[in-house]
Amino acid sequence: GPSLSPFNAWIFLKGLETLNLRMRAHCANAQALADWLEQQEGIEKVHYAGLKSHPQHALAQRQMSGFGAVVSFEVKGGKEGAWRFIDATRLISITANLGDSKTTITHPGTTSHGRLSPQEREAAGIRDSLIRVAVGLEDVADLKADLARGLAAL
Protein backbone atom coordinates (compact mmCIF):
# COMPACT_ATOMS: atom_id res chain seq x y z
CA GLY A 1 0.00 0.00 0.00
CA PRO A 2 0.94 3.65 -0.10
CA SER A 3 3.36 5.05 2.45
CA LEU A 4 4.46 8.53 3.39
CA SER A 5 7.85 9.87 2.54
CA PRO A 6 10.06 10.46 5.60
CA PHE A 7 9.59 14.22 5.29
CA ASN A 8 5.79 13.98 5.02
CA ALA A 9 5.74 11.59 7.99
CA TRP A 10 7.76 14.10 10.02
CA ILE A 11 5.38 16.94 9.07
CA PHE A 12 2.42 14.74 10.03
CA LEU A 13 3.97 13.97 13.43
CA LYS A 14 4.71 17.66 14.04
CA GLY A 15 1.03 18.39 13.48
CA LEU A 16 -0.03 15.67 15.89
CA GLU A 17 2.16 17.19 18.62
CA THR A 18 -0.03 20.30 18.77
CA LEU A 19 -3.39 18.72 17.91
CA ASN A 20 -4.65 18.77 21.50
CA LEU A 21 -3.82 22.47 21.92
CA ARG A 22 -5.36 23.39 18.59
CA MET A 23 -8.56 21.44 19.25
CA ARG A 24 -9.01 23.16 22.61
CA ALA A 25 -8.75 26.53 20.85
CA HIS A 26 -11.08 25.42 18.02
CA CYS A 27 -13.68 24.24 20.55
CA ALA A 28 -13.42 27.39 22.70
CA ASN A 29 -13.86 29.62 19.65
CA ALA A 30 -16.79 27.53 18.39
CA GLN A 31 -18.51 27.69 21.79
CA ALA A 32 -18.05 31.47 21.95
CA LEU A 33 -19.47 31.92 18.44
CA ALA A 34 -22.41 29.59 19.10
CA ASP A 35 -23.26 31.47 22.32
CA TRP A 36 -23.02 34.79 20.47
CA LEU A 37 -24.99 33.65 17.41
CA GLU A 38 -27.82 32.35 19.57
CA GLN A 39 -28.38 35.92 20.81
CA GLN A 40 -28.44 37.58 17.38
CA GLU A 41 -31.64 38.89 15.80
CA GLY A 42 -31.12 37.52 12.28
CA ILE A 43 -30.48 33.97 13.46
CA GLU A 44 -33.39 31.53 13.59
CA LYS A 45 -31.58 28.57 15.16
CA VAL A 46 -28.06 27.51 16.16
CA HIS A 47 -27.00 23.86 16.00
CA TYR A 48 -24.11 23.18 18.39
CA ALA A 49 -23.98 20.46 21.03
CA GLY A 50 -22.25 22.85 23.45
CA LEU A 51 -25.42 24.94 23.78
CA LYS A 52 -27.88 24.13 26.55
CA SER A 53 -30.63 24.59 23.95
CA HIS A 54 -29.28 21.67 21.89
CA PRO A 55 -31.53 18.59 22.29
CA GLN A 56 -28.55 16.31 22.97
CA HIS A 57 -26.49 18.68 25.12
CA ALA A 58 -26.60 16.44 28.21
CA LEU A 59 -25.48 13.41 26.20
CA ALA A 60 -22.67 15.40 24.58
CA GLN A 61 -21.49 16.57 28.01
CA ARG A 62 -21.21 12.95 29.18
CA GLN A 63 -19.44 11.74 26.05
CA MET A 64 -17.18 14.61 25.00
CA SER A 65 -14.47 16.74 26.54
CA GLY A 66 -15.19 19.47 23.95
CA PHE A 67 -18.06 20.03 21.56
CA GLY A 68 -16.14 20.33 18.31
CA ALA A 69 -15.30 23.13 15.94
CA VAL A 70 -18.29 23.08 13.57
CA VAL A 71 -21.23 25.41 14.24
CA SER A 72 -24.29 25.33 12.00
CA PHE A 73 -27.02 27.93 12.10
CA GLU A 74 -30.10 29.02 10.20
CA VAL A 75 -30.57 32.61 9.12
CA LYS A 76 -33.69 34.54 8.26
CA GLY A 77 -34.35 34.93 4.55
CA GLY A 78 -33.99 31.37 3.29
CA LYS A 79 -31.41 30.52 0.64
CA GLU A 80 -31.08 34.12 -0.52
CA GLY A 81 -30.49 35.28 3.05
CA ALA A 82 -27.91 32.56 3.60
CA TRP A 83 -25.95 33.61 0.52
CA ARG A 84 -26.19 37.31 1.41
CA PHE A 85 -24.77 36.42 4.83
CA ILE A 86 -21.97 34.26 3.40
CA ASP A 87 -21.02 36.74 0.66
CA ALA A 88 -20.75 39.57 3.21
CA THR A 89 -17.99 37.88 5.22
CA ARG A 90 -14.43 39.01 4.53
CA LEU A 91 -12.12 37.20 7.00
CA ILE A 92 -13.85 33.83 6.83
CA SER A 93 -13.12 31.81 3.68
CA ILE A 94 -16.02 30.54 1.60
CA THR A 95 -15.26 26.86 0.98
CA ALA A 96 -16.68 23.42 1.62
CA ASN A 97 -13.50 22.27 3.39
CA LEU A 98 -13.38 21.52 7.11
CA GLY A 99 -10.61 21.16 9.67
CA ASP A 100 -8.28 24.04 8.91
CA SER A 101 -6.63 26.51 11.27
CA LYS A 102 -8.55 29.20 9.36
CA THR A 103 -12.29 29.56 9.71
CA THR A 104 -14.37 28.49 6.73
CA ILE A 105 -18.03 29.01 5.87
CA THR A 106 -20.28 27.09 3.50
CA HIS A 107 -23.87 26.60 2.40
CA PRO A 108 -24.48 22.84 2.79
CA GLY A 109 -27.59 22.91 0.61
CA THR A 110 -25.54 23.82 -2.45
CA THR A 111 -22.23 22.13 -1.56
CA SER A 112 -22.01 18.95 0.51
CA HIS A 113 -25.73 18.15 0.12
CA GLY A 114 -26.30 19.77 -3.28
CA ARG A 115 -26.99 16.47 -5.05
CA LEU A 116 -29.94 15.68 -2.80
CA SER A 117 -33.45 16.67 -3.82
CA PRO A 118 -35.11 19.47 -1.82
CA GLN A 119 -37.23 16.83 -0.08
CA GLU A 120 -34.18 14.73 0.84
CA ARG A 121 -32.37 17.79 2.18
CA GLU A 122 -35.39 18.78 4.26
CA ALA A 123 -35.67 15.24 5.66
CA ALA A 124 -31.98 15.42 6.61
CA GLY A 125 -32.45 18.79 8.32
CA ILE A 126 -30.50 20.66 5.64
CA ARG A 127 -32.68 23.70 5.15
CA ASP A 128 -31.98 26.35 2.53
CA SER A 129 -31.26 28.85 5.33
CA LEU A 130 -28.56 26.63 6.91
CA ILE A 131 -24.95 27.84 7.09
CA ARG A 132 -22.03 25.76 8.37
CA VAL A 133 -18.93 27.33 9.90
CA ALA A 134 -15.80 25.30 10.63
CA VAL A 135 -14.29 27.50 13.32
CA GLY A 136 -10.57 28.14 13.19
CA LEU A 137 -7.96 29.63 15.47
CA GLU A 138 -8.40 33.34 14.72
CA ASP A 139 -9.21 35.79 17.50
CA VAL A 140 -12.88 35.24 18.35
CA ALA A 141 -13.58 39.01 18.32
CA ASP A 142 -12.44 39.13 14.69
CA LEU A 143 -14.71 36.18 13.84
CA LYS A 144 -17.69 37.82 15.56
CA ALA A 145 -17.04 41.04 13.64
CA ASP A 146 -17.00 39.14 10.36
CA LEU A 147 -20.21 37.28 11.19
CA ALA A 148 -21.75 40.62 12.19
CA ARG A 149 -21.08 41.77 8.60
CA GLY A 150 -23.07 38.75 7.47
CA LEU A 151 -25.91 39.61 9.82
CA ALA A 152 -25.97 43.20 8.57
CA ALA A 153 -26.47 41.90 5.02
CA LEU A 154 -29.70 40.07 5.92
C-alpha atoms as a PDB file:
ATOM      1  CA  GLY A   1       0.000   0.000   0.000  1.00  0.00           C
ATOM      2  CA  PRO A   2       0.943   3.651  -0.101  1.00  0.00           C
ATOM      3  CA  SER A   3       3.359   5.047   2.450  1.00  0.00           C
ATOM      4  CA  LEU A   4       4.458   8.527   3.389  1.00  0.00           C
ATOM      5  CA  SER A   5       7.845   9.867   2.536  1.00  0.00           C
ATOM      6  CA  PRO A   6      10.065  10.461   5.599  1.00  0.00           C
ATOM      7  CA  PHE A   7       9.593  14.224   5.285  1.00  0.00           C
ATOM      8  CA  ASN A   8       5.793  13.981   5.020  1.00  0.00           C
ATOM      9  CA  ALA A   9       5.740  11.588   7.986  1.00  0.00           C
ATOM     10  CA  TRP A  10       7.764  14.099  10.019  1.00  0.00           C
ATOM     11  CA  ILE A  11       5.384  16.937   9.067  1.00  0.00           C
ATOM     12  CA  PHE A  12       2.421  14.743  10.032  1.00  0.00           C
ATOM     13  CA  LEU A  13       3.966  13.968  13.432  1.00  0.00           C
ATOM     14  CA  LYS A  14       4.711  17.664  14.035  1.00  0.00           C
ATOM     15  CA  GLY A  15       1.029  18.394  13.483  1.00  0.00           C
ATOM     16  CA  LEU A  16      -0.032  15.673  15.893  1.00  0.00           C
ATOM     17  CA  GLU A  17       2.160  17.192  18.620  1.00  0.00           C
ATOM     18  CA  THR A  18      -0.035  20.302  18.773  1.00  0.00           C
ATOM     19  CA  LEU A  19      -3.394  18.723  17.906  1.00  0.00           C
ATOM     20  CA  ASN A  20      -4.646  18.775  21.504  1.00  0.00           C
ATOM     21  CA  LEU A  21      -3.823  22.469  21.923  1.00  0.00           C
ATOM     22  CA  ARG A  22      -5.359  23.388  18.588  1.00  0.00           C
ATOM     23  CA  MET A  23      -8.557  21.438  19.254  1.00  0.00           C
ATOM     24  CA  ARG A  24      -9.014  23.159  22.615  1.00  0.00           C
ATOM     25  CA  ALA A  25      -8.751  26.528  20.850  1.00  0.00           C
ATOM     26  CA  HIS A  26     -11.076  25.418  18.025  1.00  0.00           C
ATOM     27  CA  CYS A  27     -13.683  24.243  20.547  1.00  0.00           C
ATOM     28  CA  ALA A  28     -13.417  27.387  22.697  1.00  0.00           C
ATOM     29  CA  ASN A  29     -13.864  29.620  19.649  1.00  0.00           C
ATOM     30  CA  ALA A  30     -16.792  27.525  18.392  1.00  0.00           C
ATOM     31  CA  GLN A  31     -18.511  27.692  21.792  1.00  0.00           C
ATOM     32  CA  ALA A  32     -18.045  31.470  21.949  1.00  0.00           C
ATOM     33  CA  LEU A  33     -19.471  31.917  18.445  1.00  0.00           C
ATOM     34  CA  ALA A  34     -22.412  29.586  19.103  1.00  0.00           C
ATOM     35  CA  ASP A  35     -23.264  31.473  22.320  1.00  0.00           C
ATOM     36  CA  TRP A  36     -23.021  34.793  20.466  1.00  0.00           C
ATOM     37  CA  LEU A  37     -24.987  33.653  17.407  1.00  0.00           C
ATOM     38  CA  GLU A  38     -27.818  32.345  19.574  1.00  0.00           C
ATOM     39  CA  GLN A  39     -28.383  35.921  20.810  1.00  0.00           C
ATOM     40  CA  GLN A  40     -28.440  37.578  17.377  1.00  0.00           C
ATOM     41  CA  GLU A  41     -31.640  38.893  15.803  1.00  0.00           C
ATOM     42  CA  GLY A  42     -31.120  37.519  12.281  1.00  0.00           C
ATOM     43  CA  ILE A  43     -30.477  33.969  13.464  1.00  0.00           C
ATOM     44  CA  GLU A  44     -33.388  31.533  13.589  1.00  0.00           C
ATOM     45  CA  LYS A  45     -31.583  28.565  15.165  1.00  0.00           C
ATOM     46  CA  VAL A  46     -28.059  27.512  16.158  1.00  0.00           C
ATOM     47  CA  HIS A  47     -26.999  23.862  15.999  1.00  0.00           C
ATOM     48  CA  TYR A  48     -24.107  23.184  18.387  1.00  0.00           C
ATOM     49  CA  ALA A  49     -23.976  20.457  21.029  1.00  0.00           C
ATOM     50  CA  GLY A  50     -22.255  22.849  23.447  1.00  0.00           C
ATOM     51  CA  LEU A  51     -25.424  24.939  23.777  1.00  0.00           C
ATOM     52  CA  LYS A  52     -27.878  24.134  26.554  1.00  0.00           C
ATOM     53  CA  SER A  53     -30.629  24.592  23.952  1.00  0.00           C
ATOM     54  CA  HIS A  54     -29.280  21.670  21.892  1.00  0.00           C
ATOM     55  CA  PRO A  55     -31.534  18.588  22.286  1.00  0.00           C
ATOM     56  CA  GLN A  56     -28.546  16.309  22.971  1.00  0.00           C
ATOM     57  CA  HIS A  57     -26.489  18.681  25.118  1.00  0.00           C
ATOM     58  CA  ALA A  58     -26.598  16.442  28.215  1.00  0.00           C
ATOM     59  CA  LEU A  59     -25.484  13.412  26.199  1.00  0.00           C
ATOM     60  CA  ALA A  60     -22.670  15.402  24.581  1.00  0.00           C
ATOM     61  CA  GLN A  61     -21.493  16.566  28.014  1.00  0.00           C
ATOM     62  CA  ARG A  62     -21.215  12.951  29.179  1.00  0.00           C
ATOM     63  CA  GLN A  63     -19.436  11.740  26.050  1.00  0.00           C
ATOM     64  CA  MET A  64     -17.181  14.611  25.005  1.00  0.00           C
ATOM     65  CA  SER A  65     -14.466  16.745  26.543  1.00  0.00           C
ATOM     66  CA  GLY A  66     -15.186  19.467  23.950  1.00  0.00           C
ATOM     67  CA  PHE A  67     -18.060  20.032  21.560  1.00  0.00           C
ATOM     68  CA  GLY A  68     -16.142  20.334  18.310  1.00  0.00           C
ATOM     69  CA  ALA A  69     -15.304  23.127  15.936  1.00  0.00           C
ATOM     70  CA  VAL A  70     -18.292  23.081  13.570  1.00  0.00           C
ATOM     71  CA  VAL A  71     -21.226  25.405  14.241  1.00  0.00           C
ATOM     72  CA  SER A  72     -24.287  25.335  12.003  1.00  0.00           C
ATOM     73  CA  PHE A  73     -27.023  27.928  12.098  1.00  0.00           C
ATOM     74  CA  GLU A  74     -30.100  29.016  10.201  1.00  0.00           C
ATOM     75  CA  VAL A  75     -30.572  32.610   9.122  1.00  0.00           C
ATOM     76  CA  LYS A  76     -33.691  34.539   8.261  1.00  0.00           C
ATOM     77  CA  GLY A  77     -34.351  34.931   4.553  1.00  0.00           C
ATOM     78  CA  GLY A  78     -33.985  31.367   3.286  1.00  0.00           C
ATOM     79  CA  LYS A  79     -31.405  30.515   0.641  1.00  0.00           C
ATOM     80  CA  GLU A  80     -31.076  34.120  -0.516  1.00  0.00           C
ATOM     81  CA  GLY A  81     -30.489  35.283   3.051  1.00  0.00           C
ATOM     82  CA  ALA A  82     -27.912  32.564   3.603  1.00  0.00           C
ATOM     83  CA  TRP A  83     -25.954  33.605   0.523  1.00  0.00           C
ATOM     84  CA  ARG A  84     -26.189  37.313   1.407  1.00  0.00           C
ATOM     85  CA  PHE A  85     -24.769  36.419   4.826  1.00  0.00           C
ATOM     86  CA  ILE A  86     -21.972  34.258   3.398  1.00  0.00           C
ATOM     87  CA  ASP A  87     -21.025  36.736   0.664  1.00  0.00           C
ATOM     88  CA  ALA A  88     -20.746  39.575   3.211  1.00  0.00           C
ATOM     89  CA  THR A  89     -17.990  37.877   5.216  1.00  0.00           C
ATOM     90  CA  ARG A  90     -14.427  39.011   4.531  1.00  0.00           C
ATOM     91  CA  LEU A  91     -12.125  37.204   6.997  1.00  0.00           C
ATOM     92  CA  ILE A  92     -13.854  33.834   6.826  1.00  0.00           C
ATOM     93  CA  SER A  93     -13.116  31.814   3.676  1.00  0.00           C
ATOM     94  CA  ILE A  94     -16.022  30.536   1.596  1.00  0.00           C
ATOM     95  CA  THR A  95     -15.259  26.862   0.982  1.00  0.00           C
ATOM     96  CA  ALA A  96     -16.681  23.421   1.624  1.00  0.00           C
ATOM     97  CA  ASN A  97     -13.497  22.271   3.394  1.00  0.00           C
ATOM     98  CA  LEU A  98     -13.379  21.524   7.112  1.00  0.00           C
ATOM     99  CA  GLY A  99     -10.613  21.155   9.671  1.00  0.00           C
ATOM    100  CA  ASP A 100      -8.283  24.043   8.913  1.00  0.00           C
ATOM    101  CA  SER A 101      -6.626  26.506  11.271  1.00  0.00           C
ATOM    102  CA  LYS A 102      -8.545  29.198   9.358  1.00  0.00           C
ATOM    103  CA  THR A 103     -12.286  29.559   9.713  1.00  0.00           C
ATOM    104  CA  THR A 104     -14.369  28.492   6.731  1.00  0.00           C
ATOM    105  CA  ILE A 105     -18.029  29.005   5.868  1.00  0.00           C
ATOM    106  CA  THR A 106     -20.278  27.094   3.499  1.00  0.00           C
ATOM    107  CA  HIS A 107     -23.865  26.604   2.398  1.00  0.00           C
ATOM    108  CA  PRO A 108     -24.481  22.841   2.791  1.00  0.00           C
ATOM    109  CA  GLY A 109     -27.595  22.913   0.606  1.00  0.00           C
ATOM    110  CA  THR A 110     -25.541  23.816  -2.454  1.00  0.00           C
ATOM    111  CA  THR A 111     -22.231  22.133  -1.563  1.00  0.00           C
ATOM    112  CA  SER A 112     -22.014  18.952   0.512  1.00  0.00           C
ATOM    113  CA  HIS A 113     -25.727  18.152   0.121  1.00  0.00           C
ATOM    114  CA  GLY A 114     -26.300  19.771  -3.277  1.00  0.00           C
ATOM    115  CA  ARG A 115     -26.989  16.474  -5.046  1.00  0.00           C
ATOM    116  CA  LEU A 116     -29.939  15.685  -2.800  1.00  0.00           C
ATOM    117  CA  SER A 117     -33.447  16.668  -3.820  1.00  0.00           C
ATOM    118  CA  PRO A 118     -35.110  19.466  -1.824  1.00  0.00           C
ATOM    119  CA  GLN A 119     -37.235  16.826  -0.083  1.00  0.00           C
ATOM    120  CA  GLU A 120     -34.179  14.733   0.840  1.00  0.00           C
ATOM    121  CA  ARG A 121     -32.374  17.794   2.184  1.00  0.00           C
ATOM    122  CA  GLU A 122     -35.387  18.781   4.261  1.00  0.00           C
ATOM    123  CA  ALA A 123     -35.668  15.238   5.661  1.00  0.00           C
ATOM    124  CA  ALA A 124     -31.975  15.418   6.608  1.00  0.00           C
ATOM    125  CA  GLY A 125     -32.455  18.789   8.321  1.00  0.00           C
ATOM    126  CA  ILE A 126     -30.496  20.658   5.641  1.00  0.00           C
ATOM    127  CA  ARG A 127     -32.683  23.703   5.152  1.00  0.00           C
ATOM    128  CA  ASP A 128     -31.983  26.353   2.533  1.00  0.00           C
ATOM    129  CA  SER A 129     -31.265  28.846   5.333  1.00  0.00           C
ATOM    130  CA  LEU A 130     -28.560  26.628   6.911  1.00  0.00           C
ATOM    131  CA  ILE A 131     -24.955  27.838   7.087  1.00  0.00           C
ATOM    132  CA  ARG A 132     -22.033  25.764   8.371  1.00  0.00           C
ATOM    133  CA  VAL A 133     -18.928  27.334   9.898  1.00  0.00           C
ATOM    134  CA  ALA A 134     -15.798  25.300  10.629  1.00  0.00           C
ATOM    135  CA  VAL A 135     -14.286  27.502  13.321  1.00  0.00           C
ATOM    136  CA  GLY A 136     -10.567  28.136  13.189  1.00  0.00           C
ATOM    137  CA  LEU A 137      -7.959  29.625  15.472  1.00  0.00           C
ATOM    138  CA  GLU A 138      -8.396  33.336  14.723  1.00  0.00           C
ATOM    139  CA  ASP A 139      -9.213  35.791  17.500  1.00  0.00           C
ATOM    140  CA  VAL A 140     -12.877  35.245  18.345  1.00  0.00           C
ATOM    141  CA  ALA A 141     -13.579  39.006  18.318  1.00  0.00           C
ATOM    142  CA  ASP A 142     -12.441  39.127  14.685  1.00  0.00           C
ATOM    143  CA  LEU A 143     -14.707  36.181  13.838  1.00  0.00           C
ATOM    144  CA  LYS A 144     -17.687  37.820  15.556  1.00  0.00           C
ATOM    145  CA  ALA A 145     -17.035  41.045  13.641  1.00  0.00           C
ATOM    146  CA  ASP A 146     -16.998  39.140  10.360  1.00  0.00           C
ATOM    147  CA  LEU A 147     -20.207  37.279  11.194  1.00  0.00           C
ATOM    148  CA  ALA A 148     -21.754  40.621  12.190  1.00  0.00           C
ATOM    149  CA  ARG A 149     -21.075  41.770   8.601  1.00  0.00           C
ATOM    150  CA  GLY A 150     -23.068  38.754   7.474  1.00  0.00           C
ATOM    151  CA  LEU A 151     -25.908  39.613   9.817  1.00  0.00           C
ATOM    152  CA  ALA A 152     -25.966  43.204   8.567  1.00  0.00           C
ATOM    153  CA  ALA A 153     -26.473  41.896   5.017  1.00  0.00           C
ATOM    154  CA  LEU A 154     -29.696  40.068   5.922  1.00  0.00           C
END
